[in-house]
């Protein structure tokens, strides 16, 4: 049922039917109000300097666009970075230090899937989850971080930062804001970013399948799961989609394996951190981003300037 609902939402945003286009036009007054409120909010912004370089990686659309692998690629080029994120899907609240320069300090249910992925990928970093990003920045400074990376921080207009936005690929069917389209803010806000990244122009994406088997079932809990289609091996015989950040249970995954007759579950690295403790056969779609040299140099130039 959720798979069907997800498919309908994706179709509405990216491949609208005639009815979808009509509904989008019908909802335009609500979208214009949403966009207007966002513009007014930005007009009165008063960002505060927390005396540490802060890099935000975000997007303008609802759902995923590859923020996590971009944050990983940026952090791997740094010494003592801190990645700070809200921690969607976690079964905890407040500020929690997930990892401290390679030492993982909590479990995935406490951290959330994205934070645990950062903790496992970035042995050189602090990983902190906090609904209040300012508290997260202050904690990062206290623990010795030299630079902060905010996952999905474009909307945090109270923080002085270097804003990176990722253009979606594929792009939504129209440029309207929610609910007429997929954008959280007007596309005119791309001009407010310090860097706008596009695949093929500013970075390349590489995907490999680890532990591939002859018959796999795709199980994932990410936003816009159809974006995985172009990377899937031919040996994927069925697909199961769950809500973004969903916490799987061993029994439901074992049932999916049994029902599909697959040899292994194919999943993303973000989902895998919630499955690996179950001891089930996993195949993993590993995505890596390579930033082009001129992008790395622009980020380094910002950090040097911020430290002066």
Protein backbone atom coordinates (compact mmCIF):
# COMPACT_ATOMS: atom_id res chain seq x y z
CA UNK A 1 0.00 0.00 0.00
CA UNK A 2 2.80 2.44 0.87
CA UNK A 3 4.61 1.49 -2.35
CA UNK A 4 1.47 2.46 -4.30
CA UNK A 5 1.13 5.75 -2.37
CA UNK A 6 4.82 6.58 -2.92
CA UNK A 7 4.47 5.86 -6.61
CA UNK A 8 1.47 8.20 -6.88
CA UNK A 9 3.31 11.04 -5.13
CA UNK A 10 6.40 10.60 -7.33
CA UNK A 11 4.24 10.51 -10.45
CA UNK A 12 2.45 13.69 -9.34
CA UNK A 13 5.75 15.54 -8.85
CA UNK A 14 7.78 14.07 -11.73
CA UNK A 15 5.45 12.38 -14.25
CA UNK A 16 2.00 13.97 -13.74
CA UNK A 17 -1.04 12.65 -15.53
CA UNK A 18 -3.62 15.00 -17.05
CA UNK A 19 -5.50 14.90 -13.73
CA UNK A 20 -2.24 15.55 -11.86
CA UNK A 21 -1.55 18.62 -13.97
CA UNK A 22 -5.07 19.89 -13.36
CA UNK A 23 -4.70 19.33 -9.60
CA UNK A 24 -1.36 21.13 -9.63
CA UNK A 25 -2.94 24.19 -11.26
CA UNK A 26 -5.86 24.04 -8.84
CA UNK A 27 -3.47 24.16 -5.87
CA UNK A 28 -1.40 27.06 -7.22
CA UNK A 29 -2.88 29.68 -4.81
CA UNK A 30 -1.68 27.58 -1.86
CA UNK A 31 1.75 27.19 -3.48
CA UNK A 32 2.07 30.94 -4.10
CA UNK A 33 1.20 31.60 -0.44
CA UNK A 34 3.80 29.02 0.68
CA UNK A 35 6.44 30.60 -1.56
CA UNK A 36 5.57 34.12 -0.41
CA UNK A 37 5.89 33.18 3.27
CA UNK A 38 9.30 31.60 2.61
CA UNK A 39 10.49 34.76 0.82
CA UNK A 40 9.29 37.00 3.67
CA UNK A 41 11.11 34.80 6.16
CA UNK A 42 14.37 35.09 4.21
CA UNK A 43 13.95 38.85 3.81
CA UNK A 44 14.21 39.27 7.58
CA UNK A 45 17.07 36.86 8.15
CA UNK A 46 19.83 37.90 10.55
CA UNK A 47 22.49 35.16 10.44
CA UNK A 48 24.78 34.78 13.44
CA UNK A 49 28.49 33.97 13.15
CA UNK A 50 29.42 31.10 15.50
CA UNK A 51 33.15 31.58 14.80
CA UNK A 52 33.66 28.26 13.08
CA UNK A 53 33.38 27.54 9.33
CA UNK A 54 29.89 26.15 8.63
CA UNK A 55 29.04 24.46 5.33
CA UNK A 56 25.42 23.61 4.59
CA UNK A 57 24.45 20.99 2.01
CA UNK A 58 20.80 21.11 1.03
CA UNK A 59 18.23 21.08 -1.73
CA UNK A 60 15.06 22.93 -2.66
CA UNK A 61 12.87 19.91 -3.31
CA UNK A 62 10.97 17.72 -0.88
CA UNK A 63 12.62 14.32 -0.58
CA UNK A 64 16.06 13.08 -1.48
CA UNK A 65 18.56 14.48 -3.94
CA UNK A 66 21.85 12.99 -2.75
CA UNK A 67 22.76 15.26 0.18
CA UNK A 68 24.28 12.44 2.24
CA UNK A 69 26.94 11.26 -0.26
CA UNK A 70 27.85 14.89 -1.02
CA UNK A 71 28.34 15.57 2.70
CA UNK A 72 30.49 12.45 2.95
CA UNK A 73 32.61 13.54 -0.03
CA UNK A 74 33.16 16.99 1.50
CA UNK A 75 33.96 15.66 4.98
CA UNK A 76 36.51 13.15 3.69
CA UNK A 77 38.62 16.08 2.42
CA UNK A 78 38.82 17.67 5.88
CA UNK A 79 40.48 17.20 9.24
CA UNK A 80 38.23 17.12 12.31
CA UNK A 81 34.90 17.96 10.65
CA UNK A 82 31.58 17.65 12.47
CA UNK A 83 28.47 16.54 10.59
CA UNK A 84 25.31 17.84 12.24
CA UNK A 85 21.82 16.73 11.23
CA UNK A 86 18.36 16.55 12.70
CA UNK A 87 18.27 12.76 12.79
CA UNK A 88 14.96 11.98 11.09
CA UNK A 89 13.46 8.63 12.02
CA UNK A 90 15.43 8.20 15.26
CA UNK A 91 13.69 6.97 18.40
CA UNK A 92 15.32 9.65 20.54
CA UNK A 93 15.14 13.40 21.08
CA UNK A 94 17.55 16.18 21.87
CA UNK A 95 21.26 16.46 21.19
CA UNK A 96 23.18 13.19 20.92
CA UNK A 97 26.81 12.66 19.95
CA UNK A 98 26.59 9.65 17.63
CA UNK A 99 30.30 9.23 16.98
CA UNK A 100 33.52 10.91 18.05
CA UNK A 101 36.29 10.63 15.48
CA UNK A 102 35.67 6.96 14.72
CA UNK A 103 34.20 5.86 18.05
CA UNK A 104 30.49 5.06 17.64
CA UNK A 105 28.68 5.97 20.86
CA UNK A 106 25.10 4.77 20.31
CA UNK A 107 22.92 2.45 18.23
CA UNK A 108 21.04 3.17 15.02
CA UNK A 109 17.65 3.52 16.73
CA UNK A 110 19.07 6.34 18.82
CA UNK A 111 21.00 8.00 15.99
CA UNK A 112 18.75 7.46 12.98
CA UNK A 113 19.91 5.86 9.73
CA UNK A 114 21.66 8.81 8.08
CA UNK A 115 23.67 9.69 11.19
CA UNK A 116 24.80 6.08 11.61
CA UNK A 117 25.86 5.98 7.97
CA UNK A 118 27.99 9.09 8.56
CA UNK A 119 29.45 7.51 11.71
CA UNK A 120 30.50 4.39 9.81
CA UNK A 121 31.80 6.24 6.74
CA UNK A 122 33.65 9.09 8.45
CA UNK A 123 36.23 7.95 10.97
CA UNK A 124 37.75 11.45 10.93
CA UNK A 125 34.56 13.21 12.04
CA UNK A 126 32.19 13.99 14.85
CA UNK A 127 28.58 13.10 14.08
CA UNK A 128 25.90 14.90 16.09
CA UNK A 129 22.10 14.75 15.86
CA UNK A 130 20.13 17.67 17.20
CA UNK A 131 16.83 19.33 16.34
CA UNK A 132 18.53 22.59 17.36
CA UNK A 133 21.45 23.03 14.97
CA UNK A 134 22.90 25.91 17.01
CA UNK A 135 23.28 23.63 20.03
CA UNK A 136 24.89 21.09 17.69
CA UNK A 137 27.42 23.67 16.46
CA UNK A 138 28.28 24.69 20.00
CA UNK A 139 28.78 21.05 21.01
CA UNK A 140 30.95 20.42 17.97
CA UNK A 141 33.22 23.34 18.91
CA UNK A 142 33.42 22.05 22.47
CA UNK A 143 34.52 18.60 21.24
CA UNK A 144 37.27 19.97 19.01
CA UNK A 145 35.70 20.20 15.55
CA UNK A 146 37.46 22.54 13.12
CA UNK A 147 34.63 22.83 10.59
CA UNK A 148 30.89 22.05 10.65
CA UNK A 149 28.84 20.44 7.88
CA UNK A 150 25.08 20.87 8.18
CA UNK A 151 23.06 18.16 6.44
CA UNK A 152 19.95 19.88 5.04
CA UNK A 153 20.76 23.29 6.49
CA UNK A 154 19.64 25.71 3.75
CA UNK A 155 16.55 26.66 5.73
CA UNK A 156 18.57 27.53 8.85
CA UNK A 157 18.70 31.23 8.02
CA UNK A 158 19.77 32.18 11.56
CA UNK A 159 23.23 30.63 11.02
CA UNK A 160 26.03 32.28 9.03
CA UNK A 161 27.21 29.62 6.63
CA UNK A 162 28.40 28.64 3.16
CA UNK A 163 25.32 27.32 1.34
CA UNK A 164 25.55 24.49 -1.17
CA UNK A 165 22.41 23.43 -3.04
CA UNK A 166 22.05 20.29 -5.18
CA UNK A 167 19.88 20.46 -8.27
CA UNK A 168 17.63 17.40 -8.53
CA UNK A 169 18.21 14.80 -11.21
CA UNK A 170 15.68 14.11 -12.64
CA UNK A 171 14.00 17.48 -12.23
CA UNK A 172 10.36 17.77 -11.13
CA UNK A 173 7.74 18.26 -13.83
CA UNK A 174 7.21 21.91 -12.89
CA UNK A 175 8.89 24.61 -10.81
CA UNK A 176 6.00 25.17 -8.39
CA UNK A 177 6.27 24.98 -4.63
CA UNK A 178 4.41 22.48 -2.45
CA UNK A 179 1.62 21.41 -2.91
CA UNK A 180 1.53 22.21 -6.66
CA UNK A 181 5.07 20.94 -7.12
CA UNK A 182 8.01 19.37 -5.34
CA UNK A 183 9.87 22.55 -4.34
CA UNK A 184 10.04 23.62 -0.69
CA UNK A 185 11.05 27.15 -1.70
CA UNK A 186 11.02 29.16 -4.91
CA UNK A 187 13.62 28.09 -7.46
CA UNK A 188 14.78 31.72 -7.45
CA UNK A 189 16.57 30.81 -4.21
CA UNK A 190 19.26 28.99 -6.19
CA UNK A 191 20.78 32.44 -6.60
CA UNK A 192 21.06 32.71 -2.81
CA UNK A 193 23.36 29.70 -2.65
CA UNK A 194 27.14 30.04 -2.64
CA UNK A 195 27.44 26.91 -4.79
CA UNK A 196 24.89 25.01 -6.87
CA UNK A 197 25.90 21.45 -7.72
CA UNK A 198 24.73 19.47 -10.74
CA UNK A 199 25.67 15.90 -11.56
CA UNK A 200 28.10 15.70 -14.46
CA UNK A 201 29.03 19.38 -14.14
CA UNK A 202 30.29 19.60 -10.57
CA UNK A 203 30.44 15.98 -9.46
CA UNK A 204 30.27 12.42 -10.72
CA UNK A 205 28.35 9.55 -9.22
CA UNK A 206 29.56 5.96 -9.08
CA UNK A 207 27.44 3.01 -7.95
CA UNK A 208 28.61 -0.54 -7.36
CA UNK A 209 26.72 -3.57 -6.10
CA UNK A 210 28.47 -5.31 -3.21
CA UNK A 211 27.77 -9.03 -2.61
CA UNK A 212 25.60 -9.34 -5.72
CA UNK A 213 23.64 -12.59 -6.02
CA UNK A 214 21.74 -14.21 -8.90
CA UNK A 215 18.33 -13.27 -7.50
CA UNK A 216 17.83 -10.18 -5.33
CA UNK A 217 14.85 -8.34 -3.87
CA UNK A 218 15.14 -4.57 -3.47
CA UNK A 219 14.09 -3.31 -0.03
CA UNK A 220 14.52 0.37 0.75
CA UNK A 221 13.20 3.19 2.91
CA UNK A 222 14.45 6.30 1.11
CA UNK A 223 12.63 9.26 -0.42
CA UNK A 224 11.87 8.97 -4.15
CA UNK A 225 12.94 5.31 -4.40
CA UNK A 226 12.43 5.19 -8.17
CA UNK A 227 15.69 7.17 -8.54
CA UNK A 228 17.44 3.86 -7.85
CA UNK A 229 15.98 2.20 -10.95
CA UNK A 230 18.80 3.19 -13.30
CA UNK A 231 21.36 1.58 -10.97
CA UNK A 232 19.60 -1.74 -10.37
CA UNK A 233 21.16 -4.99 -11.68
CA UNK A 234 19.02 -7.25 -13.86
CA UNK A 235 18.96 -9.82 -11.08
CA UNK A 236 16.47 -7.70 -9.06
CA UNK A 237 13.16 -9.56 -9.32
CA UNK A 238 10.95 -7.61 -6.89
CA UNK A 239 10.84 -4.27 -5.04
CA UNK A 240 9.53 -3.33 -1.58
CA UNK A 241 9.33 0.32 -0.53
CA UNK A 242 8.90 1.57 3.03
CA UNK A 243 8.44 5.11 4.44
CA UNK A 244 11.61 7.24 4.50
CA UNK A 245 13.81 6.39 7.54
CA UNK A 246 11.65 3.37 8.43
CA UNK A 247 13.09 1.05 11.12
CA UNK A 248 12.91 -2.51 9.78
CA UNK A 249 12.34 -5.64 11.85
CA UNK A 250 14.10 -8.94 11.24
CA UNK A 251 10.81 -10.84 10.86
CA UNK A 252 9.42 -8.62 8.10
CA UNK A 253 12.68 -8.74 6.15
CA UNK A 254 12.85 -12.53 6.53
CA UNK A 255 9.26 -12.74 5.25
CA UNK A 256 10.16 -10.63 2.20
CA UNK A 257 13.10 -12.91 1.44
CA UNK A 258 10.90 -15.98 1.76
CA UNK A 259 7.98 -14.59 -0.29
CA UNK A 260 10.21 -13.34 -3.11
CA UNK A 261 12.39 -16.45 -3.28
CA UNK A 262 15.44 -14.18 -3.51
CA UNK A 263 18.93 -15.15 -2.42
CA UNK A 264 19.59 -11.76 -0.82
CA UNK A 265 18.11 -8.37 0.00
CA UNK A 266 19.47 -5.55 -2.15
CA UNK A 267 19.44 -2.25 -0.28
CA UNK A 268 21.18 1.10 0.05
CA UNK A 269 24.01 1.87 2.45
CA UNK A 270 21.59 4.08 4.42
CA UNK A 271 19.15 1.20 4.83
CA UNK A 272 21.88 -1.37 5.46
CA UNK A 273 22.86 0.18 8.81
CA UNK A 274 19.38 -0.81 10.05
CA UNK A 275 19.57 -4.36 8.66
CA UNK A 276 23.10 -5.56 9.28
CA UNK A 277 22.47 -6.75 12.87
CA UNK A 278 19.82 -9.25 11.70
CA UNK A 279 22.27 -11.64 10.04
CA UNK A 280 20.27 -11.85 6.81
CA UNK A 281 21.99 -12.07 3.39
CA UNK A 282 22.51 -8.49 2.17
CA UNK A 283 23.62 -7.03 -1.13
CA UNK A 284 24.36 -3.32 -1.06
CA UNK A 285 24.10 -0.54 -3.62
CA UNK A 286 27.08 1.59 -2.67
CA UNK A 287 26.97 5.14 -4.00
CA UNK A 288 30.01 7.39 -3.99
CA UNK A 289 30.32 11.00 -5.11
CA UNK A 290 33.49 12.49 -6.54
CA UNK A 291 33.55 16.29 -6.35
CA UNK A 292 35.32 18.08 -9.17
CA UNK A 293 38.54 19.83 -8.19
CA UNK A 294 37.18 23.37 -8.66
CA UNK A 295 34.40 22.65 -6.17
CA UNK A 296 36.85 21.39 -3.56
CA UNK A 297 38.97 24.52 -4.05
CA UNK A 298 35.96 26.83 -3.56
CA UNK A 299 35.04 25.07 -0.31
CA UNK A 300 38.65 25.25 0.90
CA UNK A 301 38.78 28.96 0.05
CA UNK A 302 35.66 29.59 2.13
CA UNK A 303 37.15 27.71 5.11
CA UNK A 304 40.43 29.65 4.90
CA UNK A 305 38.55 32.96 4.73
CA UNK A 306 36.25 32.01 7.64
CA UNK A 307 39.27 31.20 9.82
CA UNK A 308 40.88 34.62 9.32
